[in-house]
Amino acid sequence: MEWQLPIQKVEIGNMNIGNPWARKESTQKPMAPLSYFGTHFRLPYVSLLFPPLTVIEYNIHTGKLVLDMSETSLACIKLSTLQETLVGAIVYHQYGWFKTDFTTQEVRQGFQPIFQDNQLLLHCPLGTPPSRSRGEGGRGFGQKPPMYESGKGWRETTPEDLKPGKRLRVAVKFHGISFLNRSDQKDESSEMVWSGKCRIQHRIQGMLCMNS
């Protein structure tokens, strides 16, 4: 079981962004891991718990889930600050990591937001068949995030759960910042060049239905 940090209580300054080349599999898809340092603990990941949010839209084909955060001003401030902090860290470290020199505005434009216009933008794939293997959390849901409903317990999330107007609490694990290399490399021996595009690699660990 992993700790969930309530987004309203997270200290953005306690987050740490690691070297994207530290992982063995980072050659083709570099990812800078995120971790969190508390007063008496250290977490090798960042897993955030959000307050109840209303579904705005869900696209089952792309897996894009949009949640309304307009009623949670503190959470909005925290998430906006987190994104700007990550952009600043990328600008600062980019030359050491990739030998690039993008401006702050260019990095911001290439950063795929997870928060925009008071909306939380998540990836929630439901189009794959159920997995028989035991997924994260040991409940066997495969890639589909588990849903908890009062009086019914845990089950697989369905598109019906994500209809506009539904109220949910979501726990989201931020694995790190994933960087997209340029696609014009002539061969695998060529030095990889960062394209200037990146995003927060994340996964929904679970959801709580608030409509019961």
Protein backbone atom coordinates (compact mmCIF):
# COMPACT_ATOMS: atom_id res chain seq x y z
CA MET A 1 0.00 0.00 0.00
CA GLU A 2 1.37 3.43 -0.94
CA TRP A 3 0.93 6.71 0.85
CA GLN A 4 -1.36 9.26 -0.80
CA LEU A 5 -0.54 12.93 -0.26
CA PRO A 6 -3.64 15.20 -0.13
CA ILE A 7 -2.98 17.80 -2.82
CA GLN A 8 -4.06 20.64 -0.51
CA LYS A 9 -1.36 19.74 2.05
CA VAL A 10 1.51 19.06 -0.37
CA GLU A 11 4.56 21.31 -0.05
CA ILE A 12 5.71 21.83 -3.63
CA GLY A 13 9.20 22.75 -2.45
CA ASN A 14 9.58 19.24 -1.00
CA MET A 15 9.33 17.63 -4.44
CA ASN A 16 12.51 16.51 -6.16
CA ILE A 17 13.10 15.89 -9.86
CA GLY A 18 15.77 13.30 -10.68
CA ASN A 19 18.12 12.72 -13.61
CA PRO A 20 16.26 11.33 -16.66
CA TRP A 21 19.28 9.22 -17.64
CA ALA A 22 19.51 7.32 -14.34
CA ARG A 23 17.28 4.43 -15.47
CA LYS A 24 18.66 1.61 -17.64
CA GLU A 25 15.79 1.91 -20.11
CA SER A 26 16.18 5.69 -20.44
CA THR A 27 18.10 5.69 -23.75
CA GLN A 28 15.05 5.86 -26.01
CA LYS A 29 12.51 7.30 -23.55
CA PRO A 30 14.21 9.42 -20.88
CA MET A 31 12.07 10.11 -17.81
CA ALA A 32 13.05 12.28 -14.84
CA PRO A 33 11.61 10.56 -11.72
CA LEU A 34 9.73 12.55 -9.09
CA SER A 35 10.10 11.99 -5.35
CA TYR A 36 8.90 13.73 -2.18
CA PHE A 37 10.77 14.63 1.00
CA GLY A 38 8.73 15.18 4.17
CA THR A 39 9.96 16.24 7.60
CA HIS A 40 10.32 12.67 8.85
CA PHE A 41 9.96 10.60 5.69
CA ARG A 42 11.02 10.24 2.07
CA LEU A 43 8.82 8.86 -0.72
CA PRO A 44 10.46 7.61 -3.96
CA TYR A 45 7.34 8.70 -5.85
CA VAL A 46 4.64 11.40 -5.79
CA SER A 47 1.11 10.08 -5.29
CA LEU A 48 -1.60 12.71 -4.85
CA LEU A 49 -5.13 12.41 -3.49
CA PHE A 50 -7.60 14.94 -4.88
CA PRO A 51 -10.78 16.28 -3.23
CA PRO A 52 -14.19 15.41 -4.74
CA LEU A 53 -14.26 16.60 -8.36
CA THR A 54 -16.96 16.63 -11.03
CA VAL A 55 -16.45 14.87 -14.36
CA ILE A 56 -16.61 17.30 -17.30
CA GLU A 57 -15.96 14.80 -20.06
CA TYR A 58 -14.44 11.43 -20.83
CA ASN A 59 -13.28 10.09 -24.21
CA ILE A 60 -13.15 6.29 -24.19
CA HIS A 61 -11.17 6.24 -27.45
CA THR A 62 -8.29 8.39 -26.19
CA GLY A 63 -8.72 7.72 -22.47
CA LYS A 64 -8.77 11.45 -21.73
CA LEU A 65 -10.60 12.28 -18.48
CA VAL A 66 -11.35 15.92 -17.65
CA LEU A 67 -12.34 16.86 -14.09
CA ASP A 68 -13.55 20.24 -12.81
CA MET A 69 -11.33 21.80 -10.12
CA SER A 70 -12.93 25.26 -10.08
CA GLU A 71 -14.42 24.70 -6.61
CA THR A 72 -11.07 23.74 -5.04
CA SER A 73 -9.00 26.92 -5.21
CA LEU A 74 -6.18 25.70 -2.95
CA ALA A 75 -5.76 22.50 -4.98
CA CYS A 76 -5.69 24.61 -8.16
CA ILE A 77 -2.94 26.81 -6.74
CA LYS A 78 -0.90 23.77 -5.68
CA LEU A 79 -1.18 22.04 -9.06
CA SER A 80 -0.47 25.22 -11.02
CA THR A 81 2.59 25.87 -8.84
CA LEU A 82 3.75 22.29 -9.34
CA GLN A 83 3.61 22.64 -13.12
CA GLU A 84 5.50 25.94 -13.10
CA THR A 85 8.10 24.47 -10.73
CA LEU A 86 8.64 21.52 -13.07
CA VAL A 87 8.95 23.83 -16.09
CA GLY A 88 11.52 25.90 -14.20
CA ALA A 89 13.49 22.78 -13.25
CA ILE A 90 13.51 21.59 -16.86
CA VAL A 91 14.74 24.98 -18.09
CA TYR A 92 17.50 24.92 -15.46
CA HIS A 93 18.67 21.33 -16.07
CA GLN A 94 18.07 20.98 -19.83
CA TYR A 95 21.62 21.76 -20.94
CA GLY A 96 23.13 19.25 -18.55
CA TRP A 97 20.58 16.62 -19.55
CA PHE A 98 20.16 17.20 -23.29
CA LYS A 99 22.58 19.96 -24.36
CA THR A 100 19.55 22.06 -25.36
CA ASP A 101 18.87 25.73 -24.70
CA PHE A 102 15.12 26.25 -25.02
CA THR A 103 13.64 29.41 -23.52
CA THR A 104 11.20 29.23 -20.62
CA GLN A 105 8.34 30.03 -22.99
CA GLU A 106 9.41 27.28 -25.40
CA VAL A 107 9.62 24.72 -22.61
CA ARG A 108 6.22 25.82 -21.31
CA GLN A 109 4.70 25.44 -24.79
CA GLY A 110 6.22 21.96 -25.17
CA PHE A 111 5.01 20.85 -21.74
CA GLN A 112 1.74 18.89 -21.99
CA PRO A 113 -0.27 20.18 -19.02
CA ILE A 114 -2.06 18.01 -16.52
CA PHE A 115 -3.82 21.14 -15.18
CA GLN A 116 -5.30 23.86 -17.37
CA ASP A 117 -8.17 26.35 -17.04
CA ASN A 118 -9.12 24.94 -13.61
CA GLN A 119 -9.38 21.46 -15.09
CA LEU A 120 -7.50 18.28 -14.16
CA LEU A 121 -6.50 16.41 -17.34
CA LEU A 122 -5.82 12.72 -16.79
CA HIS A 123 -5.22 9.58 -18.83
CA CYS A 124 -7.71 6.86 -17.90
CA PRO A 125 -7.67 3.91 -20.35
CA LEU A 126 -10.81 1.75 -20.21
CA GLY A 127 -10.79 0.38 -23.74
CA THR A 128 -8.61 -2.66 -22.95
CA PRO A 129 -10.15 -6.01 -21.90
CA PRO A 130 -10.02 -7.01 -18.21
CA SER A 131 -6.71 -8.50 -17.11
CA ARG A 132 -6.45 -11.77 -15.23
CA SER A 133 -3.15 -10.72 -13.74
CA ARG A 134 -3.17 -8.93 -10.45
CA GLY A 135 -2.63 -5.27 -11.14
CA GLU A 136 -1.33 -2.45 -9.00
CA GLY A 137 -2.85 -2.68 -5.56
CA GLY A 138 -3.31 -6.45 -5.90
CA ARG A 139 -6.92 -6.34 -7.10
CA GLY A 140 -6.35 -7.67 -10.62
CA PHE A 141 -7.74 -4.72 -12.59
CA GLY A 142 -4.91 -4.58 -15.13
CA GLN A 143 -4.62 -1.11 -16.69
CA LYS A 144 -8.11 -0.08 -15.67
CA PRO A 145 -8.13 1.88 -12.41
CA PRO A 146 -10.15 0.36 -9.56
CA MET A 147 -13.31 2.12 -8.39
CA TYR A 148 -14.56 2.01 -4.80
CA GLU A 149 -18.29 2.41 -4.24
CA SER A 150 -19.80 2.56 -0.77
CA GLY A 151 -21.59 -0.66 0.11
CA LYS A 152 -20.23 -2.47 -2.94
CA GLY A 153 -16.47 -2.41 -2.43
CA TRP A 154 -13.84 -2.40 -5.17
CA ARG A 155 -14.59 -3.08 -8.84
CA GLU A 156 -13.39 -2.11 -12.29
CA THR A 157 -14.11 1.41 -13.45
CA THR A 158 -16.59 1.59 -16.34
CA PRO A 159 -17.42 4.39 -18.82
CA GLU A 160 -20.72 4.82 -16.94
CA ASP A 161 -18.72 5.94 -13.88
CA LEU A 162 -17.12 8.74 -15.91
CA LYS A 163 -20.21 10.38 -17.39
CA PRO A 164 -20.40 14.19 -17.12
CA GLY A 165 -21.72 15.26 -13.72
CA LYS A 166 -20.37 12.26 -11.80
CA ARG A 167 -18.46 13.11 -8.61
CA LEU A 168 -15.17 11.34 -7.89
CA ARG A 169 -12.11 11.40 -5.70
CA VAL A 170 -9.01 10.27 -7.56
CA ALA A 171 -5.59 9.11 -6.41
CA VAL A 172 -2.94 9.78 -9.06
CA LYS A 173 0.65 8.58 -9.06
CA PHE A 174 3.13 10.85 -10.83
CA HIS A 175 5.99 8.66 -12.06
CA GLY A 176 8.05 11.50 -13.50
CA ILE A 177 8.60 13.80 -16.46
CA SER A 178 8.70 11.93 -19.77
CA PHE A 179 10.73 13.60 -22.53
CA LEU A 180 10.02 13.09 -26.24
CA ASN A 181 13.10 12.81 -28.44
CA ARG A 182 13.17 14.04 -32.00
CA SER A 183 11.96 11.52 -34.56
CA ASP A 184 14.49 12.49 -37.25
CA GLN A 185 17.36 10.38 -35.90
CA LYS A 186 19.03 8.61 -38.82
CA ASP A 187 20.15 5.57 -36.86
CA GLU A 188 20.20 4.21 -33.33
CA SER A 189 23.86 5.13 -32.90
CA SER A 190 23.10 8.83 -33.36
CA GLU A 191 22.98 10.99 -30.26
CA MET A 192 19.40 11.43 -29.09
CA VAL A 193 18.09 14.99 -29.21
CA TRP A 194 15.23 16.25 -27.04
CA SER A 195 12.39 17.68 -29.14
CA GLY A 196 11.37 20.21 -26.49
CA LYS A 197 8.17 18.27 -25.73
CA CYS A 198 7.47 16.57 -22.41
CA ARG A 199 4.64 15.50 -20.11
CA ILE A 200 3.95 14.17 -16.63
CA GLN A 201 3.89 10.38 -16.81
CA HIS A 202 1.06 9.40 -14.48
CA ARG A 203 -1.37 6.66 -13.57
CA ILE A 204 -4.71 6.73 -11.77
CA GLN A 205 -4.28 4.35 -8.85
CA GLY A 206 -7.89 4.36 -7.75
CA MET A 207 -11.15 6.31 -7.65
CA LEU A 208 -13.89 6.76 -5.08
CA CYS A 209 -17.46 7.19 -6.29
CA MET A 210 -19.10 10.12 -4.46
CA ASN A 211 -22.59 9.70 -5.99
CA SER A 212 -23.66 6.76 -3.82
